[in-house]
Amino acid sequence: MPLPWMFINCLEEGCDWIDMNGFETESKLKIHPKQEHINHFWCPGRGCDRVGTNGWIRMIDM
């Protein structure tokens, strides 16, 4: 079993994926926000499905 200091924590405020609940690899951490957190940048167009967890993480990607 990995030691507690080997886990990578999610930096999103209020997320419980920290310490022993953290991630074992960087790639798992990169997937996590896309599936679990509401993305900060949504499409302003009416009827567009790029909202909520389907939005963008970075403004430059819009």
Protein backbone atom coordinates (compact mmCIF):
# COMPACT_ATOMS: atom_id res chain seq x y z
CA MET A 1 0.00 0.00 0.00
CA PRO A 2 1.35 3.45 -0.91
CA LEU A 3 2.35 5.77 1.90
CA PRO A 4 0.13 8.86 2.55
CA TRP A 5 2.77 11.26 1.20
CA MET A 6 2.69 9.41 -2.14
CA PHE A 7 -0.84 10.59 -2.98
CA ILE A 8 -1.54 13.63 -5.17
CA ASN A 9 -4.27 15.93 -3.85
CA CYS A 10 -6.99 17.67 -5.83
CA LEU A 11 -6.56 21.45 -5.50
CA GLU A 12 -10.24 22.30 -6.04
CA GLU A 13 -11.64 24.00 -2.93
CA GLY A 14 -13.89 21.69 -0.91
CA CYS A 15 -12.89 18.52 -2.77
CA ASP A 16 -12.45 15.47 -0.54
CA TRP A 17 -9.90 13.80 -2.87
CA ILE A 18 -6.99 14.64 -0.59
CA ASP A 19 -4.47 12.78 1.59
CA MET A 20 -5.40 9.06 1.66
CA ASN A 21 -8.24 9.73 -0.80
CA GLY A 22 -5.83 11.41 -3.23
CA PHE A 23 -4.60 10.10 -6.56
CA GLU A 24 -1.75 7.70 -7.19
CA THR A 25 -0.82 9.17 -10.57
CA GLU A 26 -0.84 12.57 -12.31
CA SER A 27 -2.96 11.15 -15.14
CA LYS A 28 -5.77 10.18 -12.74
CA LEU A 29 -5.67 13.68 -11.27
CA LYS A 30 -6.00 15.23 -14.75
CA ILE A 31 -9.14 13.19 -15.49
CA HIS A 32 -10.77 13.95 -12.12
CA PRO A 33 -11.78 17.63 -12.63
CA LYS A 34 -13.40 16.84 -15.98
CA GLN A 35 -15.61 14.19 -14.38
CA GLU A 36 -16.23 15.53 -10.88
CA HIS A 37 -16.06 19.34 -10.87
CA ILE A 38 -18.12 21.93 -12.67
CA ASN A 39 -15.84 23.61 -15.18
CA HIS A 40 -15.39 27.34 -14.81
CA PHE A 41 -15.89 28.40 -18.42
CA TRP A 42 -19.18 27.69 -20.15
CA CYS A 43 -20.32 28.41 -23.68
CA PRO A 44 -22.41 31.60 -23.78
CA GLY A 45 -24.37 30.43 -26.83
CA ARG A 46 -28.02 29.48 -26.43
CA GLY A 47 -28.54 25.74 -26.78
CA CYS A 48 -24.82 24.86 -26.55
CA ASP A 49 -24.07 21.77 -24.48
CA ARG A 50 -20.68 23.04 -23.20
CA VAL A 51 -22.01 23.91 -19.71
CA GLY A 52 -21.56 22.40 -16.23
CA THR A 53 -19.13 19.48 -16.25
CA ASN A 54 -19.00 19.68 -20.05
CA GLY A 55 -17.53 23.22 -20.02
CA TRP A 56 -13.87 24.17 -20.36
CA ILE A 57 -11.24 24.22 -17.63
CA ARG A 58 -9.21 27.02 -19.27
CA MET A 59 -10.60 30.20 -20.84
CA ILE A 60 -8.18 29.88 -23.76
CA ASP A 61 -9.89 26.61 -24.79
CA MET A 62 -13.25 28.32 -25.41
